[in-house]
Amino acid sequence: MPELPEVTTVKFFLLKHFKNKKIENVFLFLDKSLKNCDKNLFLKLKNNKILDVLNVGKHLIIKTDNFNLLIHLRMEGKFILSKEFKISLHDIFCFEIENIFYFLNDTRHFATIYLYQKDIDLFSNKPLANVSFDPFSEKFTLEYFKNNIQKKSIKIYKLLLDQSFVAGIGNIYVSEILFLAKVLPWRLVNTLNDQEILDIIKYSRIVLSKAIEEGGSTIKSFKVGDNIGKFQVNLNVYQRTNQTCKLCDDKIKRIKINNRSSYYCEKCQK
């Protein structure tokens, strides 16, 4: 699933191609992707000018004259541009802008779309109502962290994946963050000391910043235009089961936490 670095990379791509341009035509191929509106409303995006493209965690926001379009790419969603109008079975919608067709393509059809009038408060409605700020926010502090883990016995791995706690971190980057912070993924949050929390905050920003610089991680199919992410070559633990740790001579291990795979070095993390 695209995480904050991948979605940020998509945002930059869309800004380059979309900003201050008019949507000349709109096509919808998969009605079920619309979660809060019908096809007739979605098609009203035609002739709207795109003012900006933002992202909140893993959610893209395309701002137009009259609407805010929110997209979650889920596991396989990607934008594909083409000079020809060639529809595939995996396409969800398409914008035509200056004779170029921009297809939202998703092989699993899991991507979701919300469309709101521009005067609606996005953070009071789905899907952003329960989404927190991302790790780059000044609000992501030791005090915030400690206030939100009091009396909790949740594992740190699960907490960092909770988008209502902090937005944008997914399975790839939580393993990398905890490795650099030297914290085992199954540690209970109420056992963390202040320095460990500060390290988690610090490495959240370092890892995500570096991943954004490298255009995200292409583990399976992530692609933006003709480019793939490059951060995967820098991964220390993710999907490196039984390979030698880059910091010691131990082997990387994998554990299932809440049915999701977490990767770690038992010698480097505690």
C-alpha atoms as a PDB file:
ATOM      1  CA  MET A   1       0.000   0.000   0.000  1.00  0.00           C
ATOM      2  CA  PRO A   2       1.384   3.434  -0.875  1.00  0.00           C
ATOM      3  CA  GLU A   3       2.412   5.200   2.325  1.00  0.00           C
ATOM      4  CA  LEU A   4       3.169   8.870   2.945  1.00  0.00           C
ATOM      5  CA  PRO A   5       6.365   8.968   0.793  1.00  0.00           C
ATOM      6  CA  GLU A   6       4.657   7.289  -2.158  1.00  0.00           C
ATOM      7  CA  VAL A   7       1.518   9.431  -1.912  1.00  0.00           C
ATOM      8  CA  THR A   8       3.673  12.562  -1.599  1.00  0.00           C
ATOM      9  CA  THR A   9       5.510  11.496  -4.756  1.00  0.00           C
ATOM     10  CA  VAL A  10       2.181  11.083  -6.549  1.00  0.00           C
ATOM     11  CA  LYS A  11       1.166  14.536  -5.283  1.00  0.00           C
ATOM     12  CA  PHE A  12       4.265  16.140  -6.824  1.00  0.00           C
ATOM     13  CA  PHE A  13       3.569  14.340 -10.096  1.00  0.00           C
ATOM     14  CA  LEU A  14      -0.042  15.530 -10.192  1.00  0.00           C
ATOM     15  CA  LEU A  15       0.925  19.089  -9.277  1.00  0.00           C
ATOM     16  CA  LYS A  16       3.290  19.179 -12.233  1.00  0.00           C
ATOM     17  CA  HIS A  17       0.587  18.027 -14.642  1.00  0.00           C
ATOM     18  CA  PHE A  18      -2.609  19.361 -13.054  1.00  0.00           C
ATOM     19  CA  LYS A  19      -2.111  22.678 -11.305  1.00  0.00           C
ATOM     20  CA  ASN A  20      -3.973  25.625 -12.836  1.00  0.00           C
ATOM     21  CA  LYS A  21      -5.304  23.461 -15.656  1.00  0.00           C
ATOM     22  CA  LYS A  22      -8.905  22.741 -16.618  1.00  0.00           C
ATOM     23  CA  ILE A  23     -10.393  19.262 -16.540  1.00  0.00           C
ATOM     24  CA  GLU A  24     -11.711  19.126 -20.089  1.00  0.00           C
ATOM     25  CA  ASN A  25     -13.453  15.805 -19.727  1.00  0.00           C
ATOM     26  CA  VAL A  26     -14.277  13.286 -16.999  1.00  0.00           C
ATOM     27  CA  PHE A  27     -14.924   9.555 -17.353  1.00  0.00           C
ATOM     28  CA  LEU A  28     -15.994   7.182 -14.571  1.00  0.00           C
ATOM     29  CA  PHE A  29     -15.590   3.441 -15.056  1.00  0.00           C
ATOM     30  CA  LEU A  30     -16.144   2.024 -11.575  1.00  0.00           C
ATOM     31  CA  ASP A  31     -19.066   3.545  -9.695  1.00  0.00           C
ATOM     32  CA  LYS A  32     -18.432   1.519  -6.523  1.00  0.00           C
ATOM     33  CA  SER A  33     -15.242   3.514  -5.858  1.00  0.00           C
ATOM     34  CA  LEU A  34     -17.398   6.562  -5.080  1.00  0.00           C
ATOM     35  CA  LYS A  35     -18.078   6.509  -1.355  1.00  0.00           C
ATOM     36  CA  ASN A  36     -20.133   9.637  -0.693  1.00  0.00           C
ATOM     37  CA  CYS A  37     -21.534  10.748  -4.040  1.00  0.00           C
ATOM     38  CA  ASP A  38     -23.043   9.403  -7.235  1.00  0.00           C
ATOM     39  CA  LYS A  39     -21.779   9.388 -10.787  1.00  0.00           C
ATOM     40  CA  ASN A  40     -23.736  12.506 -11.767  1.00  0.00           C
ATOM     41  CA  LEU A  41     -21.977  14.607  -9.125  1.00  0.00           C
ATOM     42  CA  PHE A  42     -18.555  13.164  -9.976  1.00  0.00           C
ATOM     43  CA  LEU A  43     -19.007  14.056 -13.644  1.00  0.00           C
ATOM     44  CA  LYS A  44     -19.549  17.681 -12.618  1.00  0.00           C
ATOM     45  CA  LEU A  45     -15.769  17.902 -12.207  1.00  0.00           C
ATOM     46  CA  LYS A  46     -15.755  18.544 -15.950  1.00  0.00           C
ATOM     47  CA  ASN A  47     -14.642  22.109 -16.739  1.00  0.00           C
ATOM     48  CA  ASN A  48     -13.352  22.643 -13.209  1.00  0.00           C
ATOM     49  CA  LYS A  49      -9.925  24.238 -12.867  1.00  0.00           C
ATOM     50  CA  ILE A  50      -7.486  22.366 -10.619  1.00  0.00           C
ATOM     51  CA  LEU A  51      -6.156  24.818  -8.055  1.00  0.00           C
ATOM     52  CA  ASP A  52      -3.902  22.587  -5.978  1.00  0.00           C
ATOM     53  CA  VAL A  53      -3.003  19.012  -5.041  1.00  0.00           C
ATOM     54  CA  LEU A  54      -2.299  18.139  -1.410  1.00  0.00           C
ATOM     55  CA  ASN A  55      -1.942  15.043   0.681  1.00  0.00           C
ATOM     56  CA  VAL A  56      -2.939  14.276   4.248  1.00  0.00           C
ATOM     57  CA  GLY A  57      -1.088  11.125   5.239  1.00  0.00           C
ATOM     58  CA  LYS A  58      -2.059   8.519   2.658  1.00  0.00           C
ATOM     59  CA  HIS A  59      -4.928  10.591   1.208  1.00  0.00           C
ATOM     60  CA  LEU A  60      -4.626  12.742  -1.915  1.00  0.00           C
ATOM     61  CA  ILE A  61      -6.706  15.914  -2.156  1.00  0.00           C
ATOM     62  CA  ILE A  62      -7.313  17.476  -5.567  1.00  0.00           C
ATOM     63  CA  LYS A  63      -8.750  20.967  -5.061  1.00  0.00           C
ATOM     64  CA  THR A  64     -10.782  22.508  -7.867  1.00  0.00           C
ATOM     65  CA  ASP A  65     -12.948  25.597  -8.382  1.00  0.00           C
ATOM     66  CA  ASN A  66     -15.996  23.943  -6.892  1.00  0.00           C
ATOM     67  CA  PHE A  67     -14.930  20.631  -5.349  1.00  0.00           C
ATOM     68  CA  ASN A  68     -12.405  18.785  -3.218  1.00  0.00           C
ATOM     69  CA  LEU A  69     -11.659  15.306  -4.538  1.00  0.00           C
ATOM     70  CA  LEU A  70     -10.153  12.883  -1.999  1.00  0.00           C
ATOM     71  CA  ILE A  71      -8.476   9.707  -3.195  1.00  0.00           C
ATOM     72  CA  HIS A  72      -6.994   6.823  -1.233  1.00  0.00           C
ATOM     73  CA  LEU A  73      -4.863   4.659  -3.535  1.00  0.00           C
ATOM     74  CA  ARG A  74      -5.097   1.602  -1.252  1.00  0.00           C
ATOM     75  CA  MET A  75      -2.757  -1.203  -2.315  1.00  0.00           C
ATOM     76  CA  GLU A  76      -2.366  -0.905  -6.082  1.00  0.00           C
ATOM     77  CA  GLY A  77      -3.761   2.481  -7.109  1.00  0.00           C
ATOM     78  CA  LYS A  78      -1.675   4.549  -9.502  1.00  0.00           C
ATOM     79  CA  PHE A  79      -2.078   7.329 -12.069  1.00  0.00           C
ATOM     80  CA  ILE A  80      -1.208   6.489 -15.665  1.00  0.00           C
ATOM     81  CA  LEU A  81      -1.012   9.130 -18.370  1.00  0.00           C
ATOM     82  CA  SER A  82      -1.610   8.417 -22.018  1.00  0.00           C
ATOM     83  CA  LYS A  83      -1.965  10.332 -25.273  1.00  0.00           C
ATOM     84  CA  GLU A  84      -4.646   7.823 -26.290  1.00  0.00           C
ATOM     85  CA  PHE A  85      -7.988   7.014 -24.715  1.00  0.00           C
ATOM     86  CA  LYS A  86      -7.404   3.304 -24.106  1.00  0.00           C
ATOM     87  CA  ILE A  87      -9.494   1.879 -21.271  1.00  0.00           C
ATOM     88  CA  SER A  88      -8.377  -1.168 -19.286  1.00  0.00           C
ATOM     89  CA  LEU A  89     -10.348  -3.404 -16.924  1.00  0.00           C
ATOM     90  CA  HIS A  90      -8.444  -1.849 -14.020  1.00  0.00           C
ATOM     91  CA  ASP A  91      -9.272   1.808 -14.672  1.00  0.00           C
ATOM     92  CA  ILE A  92     -11.461   3.647 -12.156  1.00  0.00           C
ATOM     93  CA  PHE A  93     -11.734   7.098 -13.706  1.00  0.00           C
ATOM     94  CA  CYS A  94     -10.000   9.321 -16.211  1.00  0.00           C
ATOM     95  CA  PHE A  95      -9.403  13.061 -16.556  1.00  0.00           C
ATOM     96  CA  GLU A  96      -8.660  14.585 -19.930  1.00  0.00           C
ATOM     97  CA  ILE A  97      -6.421  17.639 -19.588  1.00  0.00           C
ATOM     98  CA  GLU A  98      -4.848  19.364 -22.591  1.00  0.00           C
ATOM     99  CA  ASN A  99      -5.324  16.269 -24.776  1.00  0.00           C
ATOM    100  CA  ILE A 100      -3.629  13.985 -22.259  1.00  0.00           C
ATOM    101  CA  PHE A 101      -5.621  11.253 -20.493  1.00  0.00           C
ATOM    102  CA  TYR A 102      -4.896  10.628 -16.809  1.00  0.00           C
ATOM    103  CA  PHE A 103      -6.233   7.260 -15.675  1.00  0.00           C
ATOM    104  CA  LEU A 104      -6.571   6.218 -12.046  1.00  0.00           C
ATOM    105  CA  ASN A 105      -5.714   2.539 -12.393  1.00  0.00           C
ATOM    106  CA  ASP A 106      -6.100  -0.074  -9.663  1.00  0.00           C
ATOM    107  CA  THR A 107      -5.776  -3.800 -10.392  1.00  0.00           C
ATOM    108  CA  ARG A 108      -7.640  -4.669  -7.173  1.00  0.00           C
ATOM    109  CA  HIS A 109     -10.309  -1.970  -7.428  1.00  0.00           C
ATOM    110  CA  PHE A 110      -9.775  -1.038  -3.765  1.00  0.00           C
ATOM    111  CA  ALA A 111      -9.073   2.673  -4.313  1.00  0.00           C
ATOM    112  CA  THR A 112     -11.681   4.949  -2.748  1.00  0.00           C
ATOM    113  CA  ILE A 113     -13.017   8.349  -3.794  1.00  0.00           C
ATOM    114  CA  TYR A 114     -14.821  11.045  -1.830  1.00  0.00           C
ATOM    115  CA  LEU A 115     -16.077  14.233  -3.450  1.00  0.00           C
ATOM    116  CA  TYR A 116     -17.139  17.299  -1.466  1.00  0.00           C
ATOM    117  CA  GLN A 117     -18.266  20.789  -2.364  1.00  0.00           C
ATOM    118  CA  LYS A 118     -15.395  23.194  -1.761  1.00  0.00           C
ATOM    119  CA  ASP A 119     -17.017  24.846   1.281  1.00  0.00           C
ATOM    120  CA  ILE A 120     -17.372  21.564   3.208  1.00  0.00           C
ATOM    121  CA  ASP A 121     -14.921  21.040   6.083  1.00  0.00           C
ATOM    122  CA  LEU A 122     -12.970  17.962   5.039  1.00  0.00           C
ATOM    123  CA  PHE A 123     -11.667  17.259   8.525  1.00  0.00           C
ATOM    124  CA  SER A 124     -15.179  16.949   9.918  1.00  0.00           C
ATOM    125  CA  ASN A 125     -16.160  14.302   7.386  1.00  0.00           C
ATOM    126  CA  LYS A 126     -14.995  10.933   6.129  1.00  0.00           C
ATOM    127  CA  PRO A 127     -12.342   9.897   5.376  1.00  0.00           C
ATOM    128  CA  LEU A 128     -10.271  12.571   7.158  1.00  0.00           C
ATOM    129  CA  ALA A 129     -12.358  12.993  10.314  1.00  0.00           C
ATOM    130  CA  ASN A 130     -10.297  10.407  12.173  1.00  0.00           C
ATOM    131  CA  VAL A 131      -6.943  11.015  10.469  1.00  0.00           C
ATOM    132  CA  SER A 132      -4.232  12.636  12.594  1.00  0.00           C
ATOM    133  CA  PHE A 133      -1.336  14.860  11.533  1.00  0.00           C
ATOM    134  CA  ASP A 134       1.769  13.287   9.980  1.00  0.00           C
ATOM    135  CA  PRO A 135       5.198  12.860  11.655  1.00  0.00           C
ATOM    136  CA  PHE A 136       6.471  16.151  10.181  1.00  0.00           C
ATOM    137  CA  SER A 137       3.951  18.124  12.202  1.00  0.00           C
ATOM    138  CA  GLU A 138       5.175  20.206  15.115  1.00  0.00           C
ATOM    139  CA  LYS A 139       2.415  18.528  17.106  1.00  0.00           C
ATOM    140  CA  PHE A 140       4.194  15.167  16.924  1.00  0.00           C
ATOM    141  CA  THR A 141       6.125  15.647  20.155  1.00  0.00           C
ATOM    142  CA  LEU A 142       7.236  13.734  23.212  1.00  0.00           C
ATOM    143  CA  GLU A 143       4.364  15.259  25.172  1.00  0.00           C
ATOM    144  CA  TYR A 144       1.790  14.249  22.552  1.00  0.00           C
ATOM    145  CA  PHE A 145       3.215  10.753  22.416  1.00  0.00           C
ATOM    146  CA  LYS A 146       3.186  10.291  26.175  1.00  0.00           C
ATOM    147  CA  ASN A 147      -0.305  11.732  26.575  1.00  0.00           C
ATOM    148  CA  ASN A 148      -1.616   9.205  24.086  1.00  0.00           C
ATOM    149  CA  ILE A 149       0.030   6.092  25.504  1.00  0.00           C
ATOM    150  CA  GLN A 150      -0.845   6.484  29.146  1.00  0.00           C
ATOM    151  CA  LYS A 151      -2.361   3.282  30.523  1.00  0.00           C
ATOM    152  CA  LYS A 152      -2.163   1.642  27.086  1.00  0.00           C
ATOM    153  CA  SER A 153      -0.759  -1.831  26.569  1.00  0.00           C
ATOM    154  CA  ILE A 154      -0.713  -1.642  22.772  1.00  0.00           C
ATOM    155  CA  LYS A 155       2.387  -2.708  20.840  1.00  0.00           C
ATOM    156  CA  ILE A 156       4.436   0.148  19.361  1.00  0.00           C
ATOM    157  CA  TYR A 157       4.217  -1.450  15.906  1.00  0.00           C
ATOM    158  CA  LYS A 158       0.415  -1.308  16.002  1.00  0.00           C
ATOM    159  CA  LEU A 159       0.323   2.219  17.434  1.00  0.00           C
ATOM    160  CA  LEU A 160       2.446   3.681  14.637  1.00  0.00           C
ATOM    161  CA  LEU A 161       0.148   2.094  12.052  1.00  0.00           C
ATOM    162  CA  ASP A 162      -2.874   3.752  13.653  1.00  0.00           C
ATOM    163  CA  GLN A 163      -3.749   6.671  11.352  1.00  0.00           C
ATOM    164  CA  SER A 164      -5.716   8.349  14.137  1.00  0.00           C
ATOM    165  CA  PHE A 165      -2.486   8.546  16.159  1.00  0.00           C
ATOM    166  CA  VAL A 166      -0.123   9.638  13.393  1.00  0.00           C
ATOM    167  CA  ALA A 167      -0.849   9.691   9.665  1.00  0.00           C
ATOM    168  CA  GLY A 168       1.091   8.243   6.770  1.00  0.00           C
ATOM    169  CA  ILE A 169       3.156   5.435   8.293  1.00  0.00           C
ATOM    170  CA  GLY A 170       2.498   1.944   6.969  1.00  0.00           C
ATOM    171  CA  ASN A 171       4.057  -1.482   7.085  1.00  0.00           C
ATOM    172  CA  ILE A 172       7.241  -0.654   5.194  1.00  0.00           C
ATOM    173  CA  TYR A 173       8.307   2.374   7.155  1.00  0.00           C
ATOM    174  CA  VAL A 174       7.251   1.297  10.638  1.00  0.00           C
ATOM    175  CA  SER A 175       9.764  -1.570  10.474  1.00  0.00           C
ATOM    176  CA  GLU A 176      12.486   0.794   9.267  1.00  0.00           C
ATOM    177  CA  ILE A 177      11.723   3.430  11.912  1.00  0.00           C
ATOM    178  CA  LEU A 178      11.760   0.951  14.787  1.00  0.00           C
ATOM    179  CA  PHE A 179      15.008  -0.601  13.555  1.00  0.00           C
ATOM    180  CA  LEU A 180      16.810   2.744  13.572  1.00  0.00           C
ATOM    181  CA  ALA A 181      15.242   3.670  16.911  1.00  0.00           C
ATOM    182  CA  LYS A 182      16.473   0.283  18.258  1.00  0.00           C
ATOM    183  CA  VAL A 183      13.014  -0.659  19.541  1.00  0.00           C
ATOM    184  CA  LEU A 184      11.502  -4.103  19.026  1.00  0.00           C
ATOM    185  CA  PRO A 185       8.113  -4.006  17.278  1.00  0.00           C
ATOM    186  CA  TRP A 186       6.269  -5.905  20.010  1.00  0.00           C
ATOM    187  CA  ARG A 187       7.346  -3.570  22.815  1.00  0.00           C
ATOM    188  CA  LEU A 188       4.360  -2.235  24.724  1.00  0.00           C
ATOM    189  CA  VAL A 189       4.123   1.532  24.401  1.00  0.00           C
ATOM    190  CA  ASN A 190       3.865   2.043  28.161  1.00  0.00           C
ATOM    191  CA  THR A 191       7.334   0.494  28.559  1.00  0.00           C
ATOM    192  CA  LEU A 192       9.071   3.048  26.337  1.00  0.00           C
ATOM    193  CA  ASN A 193      11.319   5.612  27.983  1.00  0.00           C
ATOM    194  CA  ASP A 194      11.573   9.241  26.873  1.00  0.00           C
ATOM    195  CA  GLN A 195      14.701   8.716  24.795  1.00  0.00           C
ATOM    196  CA  GLU A 196      13.160   5.804  22.907  1.00  0.00           C
ATOM    197  CA  ILE A 197      10.093   7.906  22.116  1.00  0.00           C
ATOM    198  CA  LEU A 198      12.257  10.805  20.959  1.00  0.00           C
ATOM    199  CA  ASP A 199      14.209   8.423  18.732  1.00  0.00           C
ATOM    200  CA  ILE A 200      10.998   7.084  17.203  1.00  0.00           C
ATOM    201  CA  ILE A 201       9.869  10.639  16.445  1.00  0.00           C
ATOM    202  CA  LYS A 202      13.281  11.554  15.031  1.00  0.00           C
ATOM    203  CA  TYR A 203      13.628   8.505  12.809  1.00  0.00           C
ATOM    204  CA  SER A 204      10.029   8.784  11.612  1.00  0.00           C
ATOM    205  CA  ARG A 205      11.000  12.118  10.077  1.00  0.00           C
ATOM    206  CA  ILE A 206      14.400  10.962   8.825  1.00  0.00           C
ATOM    207  CA  VAL A 207      13.120   7.786   7.166  1.00  0.00           C
ATOM    208  CA  LEU A 208      10.099   9.426   5.556  1.00  0.00           C
ATOM    209  CA  SER A 209      12.157  12.414   4.347  1.00  0.00           C
ATOM    210  CA  LYS A 210      14.725  10.162   2.706  1.00  0.00           C
ATOM    211  CA  ALA A 211      11.998   8.015   1.143  1.00  0.00           C
ATOM    212  CA  ILE A 212      10.328  11.109  -0.321  1.00  0.00           C
ATOM    213  CA  GLU A 213      13.673  12.231  -1.778  1.00  0.00           C
ATOM    214  CA  GLU A 214      13.998   8.830  -3.458  1.00  0.00           C
ATOM    215  CA  GLY A 215      10.469   8.857  -4.859  1.00  0.00           C
ATOM    216  CA  GLY A 216       9.146   6.265  -2.414  1.00  0.00           C
ATOM    217  CA  SER A 217       9.669   2.499  -2.374  1.00  0.00           C
ATOM    218  CA  THR A 218       8.694   0.214  -5.221  1.00  0.00           C
ATOM    219  CA  ILE A 219       8.269  -3.132  -3.486  1.00  0.00           C
ATOM    220  CA  LYS A 220       5.787  -4.582  -5.953  1.00  0.00           C
ATOM    221  CA  SER A 221       4.068  -2.289  -8.424  1.00  0.00           C
ATOM    222  CA  PHE A 222       4.315   1.311  -7.212  1.00  0.00           C
ATOM    223  CA  LYS A 223       5.004   3.606 -10.138  1.00  0.00           C
ATOM    224  CA  VAL A 224       4.544   7.300 -10.893  1.00  0.00           C
ATOM    225  CA  GLY A 225       4.381   8.039 -14.584  1.00  0.00           C
ATOM    226  CA  ASP A 226       7.312   6.101 -16.036  1.00  0.00           C
ATOM    227  CA  ASN A 227       9.306   6.204 -12.795  1.00  0.00           C
ATOM    228  CA  ILE A 228       9.586   3.721  -9.949  1.00  0.00           C
ATOM    229  CA  GLY A 229      10.637   4.511  -6.390  1.00  0.00           C
ATOM    230  CA  LYS A 230      14.282   4.047  -5.385  1.00  0.00           C
ATOM    231  CA  PHE A 231      14.167   3.948  -1.600  1.00  0.00           C
ATOM    232  CA  GLN A 232      13.854   0.141  -1.493  1.00  0.00           C
ATOM    233  CA  VAL A 233      17.625  -0.174  -1.946  1.00  0.00           C
ATOM    234  CA  ASN A 234      18.030   1.600   1.415  1.00  0.00           C
ATOM    235  CA  LEU A 235      15.737  -0.694   3.400  1.00  0.00           C
ATOM    236  CA  ASN A 236      17.454  -2.147   6.458  1.00  0.00           C
ATOM    237  CA  VAL A 237      14.943  -4.784   7.527  1.00  0.00           C
ATOM    238  CA  TYR A 238      11.731  -4.733   5.508  1.00  0.00           C
ATOM    239  CA  GLN A 239      11.370  -7.998   3.532  1.00  0.00           C
ATOM    240  CA  ARG A 240      14.980  -8.952   4.373  1.00  0.00           C
ATOM    241  CA  THR A 241      14.124 -12.081   6.375  1.00  0.00           C
ATOM    242  CA  ASN A 242      17.211 -14.273   7.011  1.00  0.00           C
ATOM    243  CA  GLN A 243      19.539 -11.747   5.395  1.00  0.00           C
ATOM    244  CA  THR A 244      22.434 -10.347   7.423  1.00  0.00           C
ATOM    245  CA  CYS A 245      21.718  -7.168   9.344  1.00  0.00           C
ATOM    246  CA  LYS A 246      23.497  -4.144   7.897  1.00  0.00           C
ATOM    247  CA  LEU A 247      24.686  -3.115  11.379  1.00  0.00           C
ATOM    248  CA  CYS A 248      25.665  -6.449  12.919  1.00  0.00           C
ATOM    249  CA  ASP A 249      26.186 -10.108  12.036  1.00  0.00           C
ATOM    250  CA  ASP A 250      22.735 -11.287  13.106  1.00  0.00           C
ATOM    251  CA  LYS A 251      19.944 -12.310  10.734  1.00  0.00           C
ATOM    252  CA  ILE A 252      16.826 -10.246  10.087  1.00  0.00           C
ATOM    253  CA  LYS A 253      13.696 -11.915  11.408  1.00  0.00           C
ATOM    254  CA  ARG A 254       9.994 -11.617  10.686  1.00  0.00           C
ATOM    255  CA  ILE A 255       7.093 -11.740  13.101  1.00  0.00           C
ATOM    256  CA  LYS A 256       3.344 -11.478  12.599  1.00  0.00           C
ATOM    257  CA  ILE A 257       1.645  -8.751  14.641  1.00  0.00           C
ATOM    258  CA  ASN A 258      -2.094  -8.466  14.123  1.00  0.00           C
ATOM    259  CA  ASN A 259      -1.700 -10.585  10.966  1.00  0.00           C
ATOM    260  CA  ARG A 260       0.848  -8.182   9.475  1.00  0.00           C
ATOM    261  CA  SER A 261       4.546  -8.864   8.969  1.00  0.00           C
ATOM    262  CA  SER A 262       7.046  -6.853  10.957  1.00  0.00           C
ATOM    263  CA  TYR A 263      10.796  -7.159  10.358  1.00  0.00           C
ATOM    264  CA  TYR A 264      13.496  -6.643  12.970  1.00  0.00           C
ATOM    265  CA  CYS A 265      17.000  -7.429  14.195  1.00  0.00           C
ATOM    266  CA  GLU A 266      16.891  -8.980  17.640  1.00  0.00           C
ATOM    267  CA  LYS A 267      20.484  -8.000  18.320  1.00  0.00           C
ATOM    268  CA  CYS A 268      20.176  -4.314  17.366  1.00  0.00           C
ATOM    269  CA  GLN A 269      16.693  -3.723  18.790  1.00  0.00           C
ATOM    270  CA  LYS A 270      15.519  -4.146  22.360  1.00  0.00           C
END
